[in-house]
N, C-alpha and C. Protein backbone atom coordinates (compact mmCIF):
# COMPACT_ATOMS: atom_id res chain seq x y z
N MET A 1 167.54 168.62 104.50
CA MET A 1 166.18 168.18 104.57
C MET A 1 165.34 168.87 103.51
N ASP A 2 164.57 168.09 102.81
CA ASP A 2 163.65 168.53 101.70
C ASP A 2 162.34 168.95 102.27
N ILE A 3 162.09 170.18 102.61
CA ILE A 3 160.84 170.79 103.15
C ILE A 3 159.75 170.81 102.19
N LYS A 4 158.67 170.16 102.38
CA LYS A 4 157.54 170.05 101.42
C LYS A 4 156.45 170.98 101.74
N ASN A 5 155.53 171.19 100.74
CA ASN A 5 154.41 172.04 100.94
C ASN A 5 153.47 171.42 101.87
N VAL A 6 152.50 172.13 102.47
CA VAL A 6 151.58 171.74 103.44
C VAL A 6 150.21 172.38 103.29
N ALA A 7 149.17 171.54 103.39
CA ALA A 7 147.88 172.05 103.34
C ALA A 7 147.14 171.61 104.46
N ILE A 8 146.53 172.70 105.10
CA ILE A 8 145.78 172.44 106.48
C ILE A 8 144.36 172.56 106.27
N MET A 9 143.64 171.51 107.00
CA MET A 9 142.25 171.49 107.14
C MET A 9 141.83 171.51 108.59
N ALA A 10 140.55 171.66 108.86
CA ALA A 10 140.20 171.88 110.35
C ALA A 10 138.62 171.53 110.50
N THR A 11 138.37 171.24 111.78
CA THR A 11 137.03 170.95 112.15
C THR A 11 136.02 172.09 111.76
N SER A 12 136.48 173.41 111.97
CA SER A 12 135.63 174.48 111.67
C SER A 12 136.45 175.77 111.79
N GLY A 13 135.81 176.95 111.59
CA GLY A 13 136.33 178.09 112.03
C GLY A 13 136.75 178.16 113.48
N GLY A 14 137.86 178.84 113.90
CA GLY A 14 138.27 178.86 115.21
C GLY A 14 138.99 177.68 115.61
N ALA A 15 139.36 176.73 114.82
CA ALA A 15 140.04 175.58 115.22
C ALA A 15 141.62 175.83 115.51
N GLY A 16 142.06 176.95 114.79
CA GLY A 16 143.54 177.23 115.03
C GLY A 16 144.37 177.07 113.77
N LYS A 17 143.73 176.98 112.61
CA LYS A 17 144.58 176.75 111.42
C LYS A 17 145.61 177.67 111.17
N ASP A 18 145.33 179.02 111.38
CA ASP A 18 146.38 179.96 111.18
C ASP A 18 147.48 179.95 112.14
N THR A 19 147.14 179.70 113.43
CA THR A 19 148.16 179.53 114.48
C THR A 19 149.13 178.36 114.21
N VAL A 20 148.55 177.20 113.69
CA VAL A 20 149.25 176.06 113.30
C VAL A 20 150.16 176.39 112.13
N ALA A 21 149.54 177.07 111.21
CA ALA A 21 150.34 177.51 109.94
C ALA A 21 151.55 178.43 110.24
N ASP A 22 151.35 179.28 111.32
CA ASP A 22 152.34 180.31 111.55
C ASP A 22 153.49 179.48 112.32
N TYR A 23 153.09 178.56 113.22
CA TYR A 23 154.20 177.88 113.85
C TYR A 23 155.13 176.98 112.82
N ILE A 24 154.39 176.41 111.88
CA ILE A 24 155.05 175.60 110.86
C ILE A 24 156.01 176.46 110.06
N VAL A 25 155.48 177.72 109.66
CA VAL A 25 156.33 178.54 108.85
C VAL A 25 157.44 179.11 109.63
N ASN A 26 157.23 179.71 110.79
CA ASN A 26 158.02 180.43 111.58
C ASN A 26 158.97 179.67 112.42
N THR A 27 158.58 178.46 112.96
CA THR A 27 159.53 177.75 113.76
C THR A 27 159.99 176.47 113.06
N LEU A 28 159.10 175.67 112.65
CA LEU A 28 159.50 174.45 111.98
C LEU A 28 160.26 174.65 110.62
N MET A 29 159.87 175.72 109.86
CA MET A 29 160.51 175.95 108.70
C MET A 29 161.58 177.00 108.71
N HIS A 30 161.76 177.50 109.95
CA HIS A 30 162.65 178.62 110.23
C HIS A 30 162.47 179.83 109.30
N LYS A 31 161.26 180.17 109.12
CA LYS A 31 160.91 181.27 108.28
C LYS A 31 161.27 181.22 106.86
N GLU A 32 161.47 179.90 106.41
CA GLU A 32 161.79 179.71 105.04
C GLU A 32 160.68 179.22 104.21
N GLY A 33 159.44 179.32 104.84
CA GLY A 33 158.32 178.95 104.04
C GLY A 33 157.40 180.11 103.85
N CYS A 34 156.26 179.96 103.16
CA CYS A 34 155.36 181.05 102.98
C CYS A 34 153.98 180.60 103.18
N LYS A 35 153.33 181.24 104.00
CA LYS A 35 151.78 181.07 104.26
C LYS A 35 150.95 182.00 103.30
N ARG A 36 150.03 181.28 102.67
CA ARG A 36 149.12 181.91 101.58
C ARG A 36 147.84 181.11 101.79
N ALA A 37 146.63 181.87 102.11
CA ALA A 37 145.48 181.30 102.08
C ALA A 37 144.61 181.35 100.84
N LEU A 38 143.92 180.44 100.57
CA LEU A 38 142.95 180.52 99.34
C LEU A 38 142.01 181.78 99.72
N ALA A 39 141.64 182.01 100.89
CA ALA A 39 140.78 183.10 101.22
C ALA A 39 141.39 184.55 101.30
N ASP A 40 142.66 184.61 101.15
CA ASP A 40 143.32 185.82 101.16
C ASP A 40 142.68 186.93 100.26
N PRO A 41 142.51 186.53 98.97
CA PRO A 41 141.95 187.57 98.06
C PRO A 41 140.43 187.79 98.39
N ILE A 42 139.75 186.75 98.94
CA ILE A 42 138.34 187.12 99.37
C ILE A 42 138.18 188.01 100.42
N HIS A 43 139.14 187.98 101.45
CA HIS A 43 139.20 188.94 102.48
C HIS A 43 139.54 190.33 101.97
N GLU A 44 140.55 190.44 101.07
CA GLU A 44 141.00 191.72 100.45
C GLU A 44 139.85 192.41 99.75
N LEU A 45 139.30 191.66 98.81
CA LEU A 45 138.21 192.23 98.09
C LEU A 45 136.94 192.64 98.89
N SER A 46 136.62 191.70 99.79
CA SER A 46 135.41 192.04 100.65
C SER A 46 135.67 193.39 101.50
N GLU A 47 136.88 193.43 101.94
CA GLU A 47 137.07 194.69 102.71
C GLU A 47 137.01 195.88 101.96
N LYS A 48 137.44 195.83 100.61
CA LYS A 48 137.26 197.03 99.68
C LYS A 48 135.89 197.40 99.46
N PHE A 49 135.04 196.40 99.44
CA PHE A 49 133.58 196.70 99.13
C PHE A 49 132.79 197.00 100.39
N ALA A 50 133.16 196.54 101.39
CA ALA A 50 132.31 196.69 102.68
C ALA A 50 132.30 198.06 103.21
N ASN A 51 131.28 198.44 103.75
CA ASN A 51 131.08 199.67 104.54
C ASN A 51 131.34 199.60 106.00
N GLY A 52 131.54 198.42 106.37
CA GLY A 52 131.74 198.18 107.87
C GLY A 52 132.43 196.86 107.96
N LYS A 53 132.22 196.15 109.08
CA LYS A 53 132.82 194.96 109.50
C LYS A 53 132.47 193.99 108.45
N VAL A 54 133.33 193.10 107.99
CA VAL A 54 133.15 192.03 107.11
C VAL A 54 132.96 190.78 108.05
N GLU A 55 131.62 190.27 107.94
CA GLU A 55 131.41 189.05 108.86
C GLU A 55 131.56 187.75 108.06
N ARG A 56 131.71 186.77 108.86
CA ARG A 56 132.00 185.44 108.30
C ARG A 56 131.06 185.00 107.16
N HIS A 57 129.77 185.29 107.23
CA HIS A 57 128.86 184.86 106.33
C HIS A 57 129.07 185.74 104.83
N HIS A 58 129.53 187.01 105.09
CA HIS A 58 129.91 187.77 103.83
C HIS A 58 131.04 187.13 103.12
N LEU A 59 131.94 186.78 103.88
CA LEU A 59 133.13 186.12 103.20
C LEU A 59 132.68 184.81 102.46
N GLN A 60 131.92 183.93 103.21
CA GLN A 60 131.35 182.71 102.61
C GLN A 60 130.59 182.99 101.41
N ASP A 61 129.74 183.93 101.47
CA ASP A 61 128.83 184.19 100.30
C ASP A 61 129.58 184.80 99.07
N PHE A 62 130.55 185.69 99.32
CA PHE A 62 131.37 186.30 98.35
C PHE A 62 132.25 185.15 97.67
N GLY A 63 132.88 184.31 98.46
CA GLY A 63 133.75 183.34 97.85
C GLY A 63 132.96 182.36 97.06
N GLU A 64 131.74 182.00 97.49
CA GLU A 64 130.90 181.02 96.77
C GLU A 64 130.37 181.65 95.56
N SER A 65 129.92 182.90 95.60
CA SER A 65 129.42 183.60 94.48
C SER A 65 130.35 183.64 93.27
N VAL A 66 131.63 183.95 93.63
CA VAL A 66 132.74 183.88 92.66
C VAL A 66 132.90 182.60 91.95
N ARG A 67 132.86 181.63 92.75
CA ARG A 67 132.90 180.23 92.40
C ARG A 67 131.79 179.88 91.27
N LYS A 68 130.63 180.29 91.64
CA LYS A 68 129.50 179.98 90.75
C LYS A 68 129.63 180.77 89.47
N ILE A 69 130.20 181.90 89.41
CA ILE A 69 130.30 182.68 88.14
C ILE A 69 131.56 182.26 87.37
N PHE A 70 132.67 181.95 87.99
CA PHE A 70 133.89 181.77 87.32
C PHE A 70 134.42 180.24 87.35
N GLY A 71 133.80 179.54 88.11
CA GLY A 71 134.13 178.01 88.22
C GLY A 71 134.53 177.67 89.61
N HIS A 72 134.31 176.40 89.87
CA HIS A 72 134.62 175.94 91.25
C HIS A 72 136.10 176.01 91.62
N GLU A 73 136.95 175.97 90.65
CA GLU A 73 138.39 176.01 90.89
C GLU A 73 138.96 177.47 90.81
N THR A 74 138.16 178.51 90.87
CA THR A 74 138.60 179.88 90.67
C THR A 74 139.71 180.21 91.63
N TRP A 75 139.50 180.01 92.98
CA TRP A 75 140.33 180.43 93.99
C TRP A 75 141.59 179.58 94.02
N ILE A 76 141.53 178.33 93.58
CA ILE A 76 142.59 177.40 93.41
C ILE A 76 143.56 177.85 92.31
N HIS A 77 142.99 178.25 91.20
CA HIS A 77 143.78 178.61 89.99
C HIS A 77 144.46 179.95 90.39
N LEU A 78 143.83 180.82 91.15
CA LEU A 78 144.46 182.14 91.54
C LEU A 78 145.70 181.92 92.44
N LEU A 79 145.44 181.11 93.33
CA LEU A 79 146.58 180.75 94.33
C LEU A 79 147.74 180.10 93.51
N ASP A 80 147.46 179.15 92.65
CA ASP A 80 148.46 178.56 91.81
C ASP A 80 149.22 179.58 90.98
N LYS A 81 148.47 180.43 90.49
CA LYS A 81 149.07 181.52 89.67
C LYS A 81 149.98 182.52 90.51
N GLU A 82 149.51 182.87 91.56
CA GLU A 82 150.29 183.84 92.41
C GLU A 82 151.48 183.18 93.07
N THR A 83 151.52 181.79 93.22
CA THR A 83 152.68 181.17 93.89
C THR A 83 153.51 180.24 93.07
N LYS A 84 153.20 180.37 91.65
CA LYS A 84 153.98 179.41 90.76
C LYS A 84 155.41 179.72 90.82
N GLU A 85 155.92 180.96 91.04
CA GLU A 85 157.28 181.24 91.10
C GLU A 85 157.94 181.27 92.47
N LEU A 86 157.30 180.75 93.36
CA LEU A 86 157.64 180.73 94.70
C LEU A 86 158.76 179.65 94.82
N GLU A 87 159.82 180.12 95.50
CA GLU A 87 160.95 179.17 95.71
C GLU A 87 161.16 178.62 97.07
N VAL A 88 160.20 178.74 97.91
CA VAL A 88 160.19 178.18 99.24
C VAL A 88 158.87 177.48 99.45
N PRO A 89 158.93 176.43 100.39
CA PRO A 89 157.65 175.74 100.73
C PRO A 89 156.42 176.61 100.91
N LEU A 90 155.30 176.17 100.37
CA LEU A 90 154.05 176.91 100.64
C LEU A 90 153.21 176.17 101.72
N VAL A 91 152.68 177.00 102.61
CA VAL A 91 151.72 176.43 103.65
C VAL A 91 150.30 177.10 103.46
N ILE A 92 149.33 176.31 103.05
CA ILE A 92 148.01 176.77 102.79
C ILE A 92 147.04 176.40 104.11
N PRO A 93 146.60 177.52 104.78
CA PRO A 93 146.01 177.23 106.06
C PRO A 93 144.51 177.00 105.96
N ASP A 94 143.89 176.90 104.76
CA ASP A 94 142.44 176.93 104.71
C ASP A 94 141.79 176.00 103.64
N ILE A 95 142.17 174.63 103.67
CA ILE A 95 141.62 173.76 102.73
C ILE A 95 140.30 173.35 103.29
N ARG A 96 139.23 173.72 102.58
CA ARG A 96 137.89 173.46 103.17
C ARG A 96 136.97 172.61 102.24
N LYS A 97 137.47 172.23 101.05
CA LYS A 97 136.71 171.47 100.27
C LYS A 97 137.37 170.28 99.68
N LEU A 98 136.66 169.32 99.26
CA LEU A 98 137.29 168.05 98.69
C LEU A 98 138.05 168.36 97.44
N LEU A 99 137.48 169.24 96.66
CA LEU A 99 138.07 169.72 95.40
C LEU A 99 139.40 170.31 95.68
N GLU A 100 139.64 171.06 96.76
CA GLU A 100 140.88 171.69 97.11
C GLU A 100 141.78 170.63 97.63
N TYR A 101 141.35 169.65 98.41
CA TYR A 101 142.18 168.60 98.96
C TYR A 101 142.71 167.78 97.78
N SER A 102 141.73 167.47 96.79
CA SER A 102 142.16 166.71 95.66
C SER A 102 143.29 167.41 94.78
N HIS A 103 143.15 168.71 94.63
CA HIS A 103 144.11 169.51 93.86
C HIS A 103 145.43 169.54 94.45
N PHE A 104 145.49 169.95 95.79
CA PHE A 104 146.76 170.21 96.48
C PHE A 104 147.32 168.93 97.09
N CYS A 105 146.63 168.14 97.72
CA CYS A 105 147.15 167.02 98.46
C CYS A 105 147.26 165.75 97.50
N VAL A 106 146.49 165.60 96.55
CA VAL A 106 146.68 164.43 95.73
C VAL A 106 147.47 164.76 94.38
N GLU A 107 146.93 165.75 93.69
CA GLU A 107 147.70 166.13 92.34
C GLU A 107 148.96 166.84 92.64
N SER A 108 149.01 167.74 93.57
CA SER A 108 150.31 168.48 93.87
C SER A 108 151.11 167.87 95.03
N GLU A 109 150.71 166.97 95.69
CA GLU A 109 151.41 166.34 96.83
C GLU A 109 151.77 167.07 98.02
N PHE A 110 150.91 168.07 98.31
CA PHE A 110 151.06 168.83 99.56
C PHE A 110 150.89 167.79 100.72
N LEU A 111 151.49 167.99 101.90
CA LEU A 111 151.25 167.18 102.94
C LEU A 111 150.07 167.68 103.62
N PRO A 112 149.05 166.67 103.87
CA PRO A 112 147.81 167.17 104.45
C PRO A 112 147.84 167.11 106.03
N LEU A 113 147.36 168.11 106.73
CA LEU A 113 147.34 168.20 108.27
C LEU A 113 146.05 168.72 108.54
N TYR A 114 145.36 167.92 109.49
CA TYR A 114 144.02 168.21 109.95
C TYR A 114 144.11 168.79 111.42
N VAL A 115 143.49 169.92 111.73
CA VAL A 115 143.39 170.42 112.98
C VAL A 115 142.03 170.18 113.52
N LYS A 116 142.04 169.33 114.61
CA LYS A 116 140.80 168.95 115.37
C LYS A 116 140.58 169.75 116.57
N VAL A 117 139.28 170.22 116.80
CA VAL A 117 139.04 170.99 117.99
C VAL A 117 137.65 170.75 118.44
N ASN A 118 137.46 170.81 119.73
CA ASN A 118 136.09 170.67 120.24
C ASN A 118 135.23 171.88 119.74
N PRO A 119 133.88 171.76 119.19
CA PRO A 119 133.25 172.86 118.68
C PRO A 119 133.08 174.04 119.67
N GLU A 120 132.96 173.71 120.93
CA GLU A 120 132.66 174.70 121.99
C GLU A 120 133.93 175.58 122.10
N ILE A 121 135.17 174.90 122.06
CA ILE A 121 136.47 175.69 122.13
C ILE A 121 136.52 176.55 120.87
N ALA A 122 136.13 175.98 119.71
CA ALA A 122 136.32 176.86 118.52
C ALA A 122 135.41 178.09 118.72
N ARG A 123 134.25 177.95 119.19
CA ARG A 123 133.27 179.09 119.40
C ARG A 123 133.95 180.07 120.27
N GLU A 124 134.59 179.65 121.38
CA GLU A 124 135.16 180.56 122.35
C GLU A 124 136.25 181.29 121.64
N ARG A 125 137.08 180.67 120.84
CA ARG A 125 138.20 181.30 120.07
C ARG A 125 137.66 182.32 119.08
N LEU A 126 136.56 181.92 118.46
CA LEU A 126 136.09 182.86 117.35
C LEU A 126 135.47 184.16 118.15
N THR A 127 134.97 183.96 119.36
CA THR A 127 134.49 185.11 120.01
C THR A 127 135.56 186.06 120.48
N VAL A 128 136.67 185.46 120.89
CA VAL A 128 137.91 186.23 121.23
C VAL A 128 138.52 186.95 120.03
N ARG A 129 138.73 186.06 119.00
CA ARG A 129 139.21 186.59 117.79
C ARG A 129 138.55 187.69 116.99
N ASP A 130 137.16 187.36 116.70
CA ASP A 130 136.35 188.07 115.91
C ASP A 130 135.30 188.98 116.64
N GLY A 131 135.22 188.85 118.01
CA GLY A 131 134.21 189.54 118.69
C GLY A 131 132.87 188.89 118.63
N GLY A 132 132.79 187.67 118.13
CA GLY A 132 131.50 186.95 118.05
C GLY A 132 131.34 186.28 116.60
N PHE A 133 130.21 185.59 116.38
CA PHE A 133 129.96 184.93 115.27
C PHE A 133 128.47 184.66 115.18
N GLN A 134 127.98 184.33 113.96
CA GLN A 134 126.65 183.82 113.86
C GLN A 134 126.65 182.31 113.82
N GLU A 135 125.86 181.70 114.67
CA GLU A 135 125.87 180.26 114.74
C GLU A 135 125.56 179.57 113.40
N LYS A 136 124.62 180.14 112.67
CA LYS A 136 124.32 179.53 111.41
C LYS A 136 125.42 179.42 110.41
N ASP A 137 126.38 180.50 110.59
CA ASP A 137 127.64 180.48 109.65
C ASP A 137 128.55 179.25 109.84
N LEU A 138 128.48 178.80 111.17
CA LEU A 138 129.31 177.54 111.48
C LEU A 138 128.76 176.27 111.06
N HIS A 139 127.48 176.33 110.59
CA HIS A 139 126.85 175.01 110.08
C HIS A 139 126.73 174.94 108.56
N ARG A 140 127.22 175.95 107.89
CA ARG A 140 127.27 175.83 106.45
C ARG A 140 128.19 174.75 105.92
N ASN A 141 127.87 174.15 104.83
CA ASN A 141 128.61 173.10 104.21
C ASN A 141 130.08 173.40 104.09
N ILE A 142 130.40 174.62 103.68
CA ILE A 142 131.88 175.06 103.50
C ILE A 142 132.60 174.85 104.76
N GLU A 143 131.94 174.98 105.99
CA GLU A 143 132.70 174.79 107.20
C GLU A 143 132.95 173.31 107.58
N HIS A 144 132.19 172.37 107.01
CA HIS A 144 132.27 171.01 107.37
C HIS A 144 132.60 169.98 106.48
N GLN A 145 132.94 170.35 105.20
CA GLN A 145 133.03 169.43 104.08
C GLN A 145 134.23 168.44 104.34
N MET A 146 135.25 168.80 105.13
CA MET A 146 136.36 167.91 105.39
C MET A 146 136.27 167.27 106.73
N LYS A 147 135.14 167.47 107.52
CA LYS A 147 135.05 167.06 108.93
C LYS A 147 135.02 165.44 108.96
N PHE A 148 134.54 164.84 107.79
CA PHE A 148 134.49 163.41 107.81
C PHE A 148 135.90 162.78 108.23
N ILE A 149 137.03 163.46 107.97
CA ILE A 149 138.26 162.93 108.37
C ILE A 149 138.34 162.55 109.83
N GLU A 150 137.56 163.22 110.69
CA GLU A 150 137.57 162.86 112.10
C GLU A 150 136.95 161.45 112.28
N SER A 151 136.19 161.05 111.45
CA SER A 151 135.52 159.74 111.59
C SER A 151 136.24 158.59 111.04
N LEU A 152 137.48 158.77 110.38
CA LEU A 152 138.34 157.72 109.78
C LEU A 152 139.09 157.06 110.87
N GLU A 153 139.52 155.91 110.65
CA GLU A 153 140.17 155.19 111.70
C GLU A 153 141.63 155.74 111.83
N THR A 154 142.06 155.80 113.05
CA THR A 154 143.49 156.45 113.11
C THR A 154 144.30 155.64 114.14
N GLU A 155 145.58 155.97 114.14
CA GLU A 155 146.45 155.33 115.16
C GLU A 155 147.19 156.50 115.79
N LYS A 156 147.45 156.31 117.15
CA LYS A 156 148.04 157.24 118.11
C LYS A 156 149.45 157.46 117.66
N ILE A 157 149.99 158.63 117.63
CA ILE A 157 151.42 158.83 117.38
C ILE A 157 151.93 159.66 118.68
N GLY A 158 152.85 159.12 119.37
CA GLY A 158 153.49 159.81 120.48
C GLY A 158 152.25 159.81 121.64
N LYS A 159 152.59 160.83 122.52
CA LYS A 159 151.75 160.80 123.80
C LYS A 159 150.96 162.20 124.05
N ASN A 160 150.98 163.06 122.92
CA ASN A 160 150.38 164.42 123.14
C ASN A 160 149.12 164.56 122.35
N GLY A 161 148.64 163.53 121.76
CA GLY A 161 147.44 163.68 121.00
C GLY A 161 147.35 163.64 119.47
N LEU A 162 148.67 163.59 118.85
CA LEU A 162 148.86 163.36 117.49
C LEU A 162 148.39 162.03 116.98
N ARG A 163 147.61 162.10 115.97
CA ARG A 163 147.14 160.90 115.33
C ARG A 163 147.36 160.74 113.76
N LYS A 164 147.40 159.64 113.22
CA LYS A 164 147.58 159.46 111.82
C LYS A 164 146.36 158.61 111.30
N VAL A 165 145.81 159.02 110.19
CA VAL A 165 144.73 158.29 109.51
C VAL A 165 145.21 156.98 109.07
N VAL A 166 144.51 155.92 109.34
CA VAL A 166 144.71 154.63 108.86
C VAL A 166 143.71 154.28 107.81
N SER A 167 144.04 154.71 106.59
CA SER A 167 142.89 154.67 105.58
C SER A 167 143.61 154.53 104.20
N PRO A 168 142.96 153.85 103.27
CA PRO A 168 143.62 153.82 101.90
C PRO A 168 143.83 155.32 101.37
N PHE A 169 144.59 155.35 100.23
CA PHE A 169 144.90 156.51 99.49
C PHE A 169 143.44 157.04 98.97
N PRO A 170 143.23 158.30 99.00
CA PRO A 170 144.15 159.39 99.14
C PRO A 170 144.22 160.14 100.59
N PHE A 171 143.65 159.37 101.58
CA PHE A 171 143.78 159.93 102.93
C PHE A 171 144.76 159.29 103.89
N ASN A 172 145.53 158.42 103.22
CA ASN A 172 146.50 157.57 104.04
C ASN A 172 147.66 158.30 104.76
N ASN A 173 147.93 159.55 104.30
CA ASN A 173 149.00 160.28 104.78
C ASN A 173 148.49 161.55 105.55
N VAL A 174 147.25 161.50 106.08
CA VAL A 174 146.65 162.61 106.84
C VAL A 174 147.07 162.52 108.30
N TYR A 175 147.66 163.51 108.95
CA TYR A 175 147.84 163.57 110.31
C TYR A 175 146.74 164.51 110.94
N ILE A 176 146.37 164.11 112.12
CA ILE A 176 145.39 164.94 112.96
C ILE A 176 146.08 165.46 114.19
N VAL A 177 145.98 166.80 114.24
CA VAL A 177 146.50 167.50 115.47
C VAL A 177 145.28 167.73 116.38
N ASP A 178 145.37 167.47 117.66
CA ASP A 178 144.33 167.67 118.55
C ASP A 178 144.64 169.18 119.26
N ASN A 179 143.80 170.09 118.85
CA ASN A 179 144.06 171.46 119.33
C ASN A 179 143.14 171.87 120.44
N ASP A 180 142.66 170.87 121.24
CA ASP A 180 141.73 171.28 122.35
C ASP A 180 142.47 171.86 123.49
N GLY A 181 143.83 171.42 123.65
CA GLY A 181 144.54 171.87 124.84
C GLY A 181 145.32 173.17 124.58
N ASP A 182 146.34 173.32 125.42
CA ASP A 182 147.08 174.62 125.40
C ASP A 182 148.03 174.55 124.07
N TYR A 183 148.57 175.77 123.87
CA TYR A 183 149.38 175.88 122.68
C TYR A 183 150.66 175.10 122.78
N GLU A 184 151.23 174.95 124.06
CA GLU A 184 152.43 174.11 124.23
C GLU A 184 152.24 172.68 123.74
N ASN A 185 151.03 172.14 124.07
CA ASN A 185 150.77 170.81 123.71
C ASN A 185 150.59 170.67 122.08
N THR A 186 149.97 171.75 121.50
CA THR A 186 149.84 171.67 120.11
C THR A 186 151.18 171.72 119.47
N LYS A 187 152.08 172.53 119.99
CA LYS A 187 153.43 172.60 119.36
C LYS A 187 154.29 171.25 119.50
N LYS A 188 154.00 170.60 120.63
CA LYS A 188 154.66 169.32 120.76
C LYS A 188 154.19 168.29 119.67
N GLN A 189 152.86 168.38 119.31
CA GLN A 189 152.37 167.53 118.33
C GLN A 189 152.87 167.92 117.02
N LEU A 190 152.93 169.18 116.68
CA LEU A 190 153.51 169.75 115.44
C LEU A 190 155.08 169.34 115.29
N ASP A 191 155.76 169.36 116.33
CA ASP A 191 157.20 169.10 116.26
C ASP A 191 157.26 167.58 115.87
N LEU A 192 156.47 166.58 116.48
CA LEU A 192 156.56 165.26 116.16
C LEU A 192 156.05 164.93 114.78
N TRP A 193 155.05 165.64 114.36
CA TRP A 193 154.58 165.49 112.97
C TRP A 193 155.64 165.86 111.93
N PHE A 194 156.32 167.02 112.27
CA PHE A 194 157.36 167.53 111.31
C PHE A 194 158.52 166.49 111.21
N GLU A 195 158.87 165.97 112.33
CA GLU A 195 160.02 164.95 112.39
C GLU A 195 159.69 163.78 111.49
N ARG A 196 158.32 163.40 111.53
CA ARG A 196 157.82 162.20 110.69
C ARG A 196 157.58 162.41 109.26
N VAL A 197 157.26 163.61 108.88
CA VAL A 197 156.96 163.76 107.54
C VAL A 197 158.01 164.59 106.63
N MET A 198 158.98 165.07 107.21
CA MET A 198 160.03 165.94 106.55
C MET A 198 161.30 165.11 106.51
């Protein structure tokens, strides 16, 4: 089986992108893949500079400021550079911009996977995971740029909530995982998705 690279998008923070990515790498790829986020260096650098807790808006502002100074593809180029010698499939859990989608899913042919979740469930998960959040941070453009995928026509795949976008290129191979339910249901959707795309 030729295992491909995967790029994950989502409704917003708290949707479960990292949980999905971990399941893909650890279970579906049998730990033969590598999870690397575009935001990993943003987190690392922010934590070095911070005197306390790094909040979501700090990460957003820092990431966007670096883009304004060094170019919109700065974090893309850094991830490409750091993973170019990688000999296993790469799973990116945080595609948030059309520019990132274009680079990874169109130019580099990563498999696109979208994680959909009810906003209230996402807020509950953020509260549990991060101890809270600022509502305004969830309404910033960077959180919603890819959300239009939820409005595209889809077809149902299986019986657990998995859907596939029925749309022309470049969104014709996007699958949508419904992550409103429990983890077991999400895993069933991911198992089915993996069978279809790999």
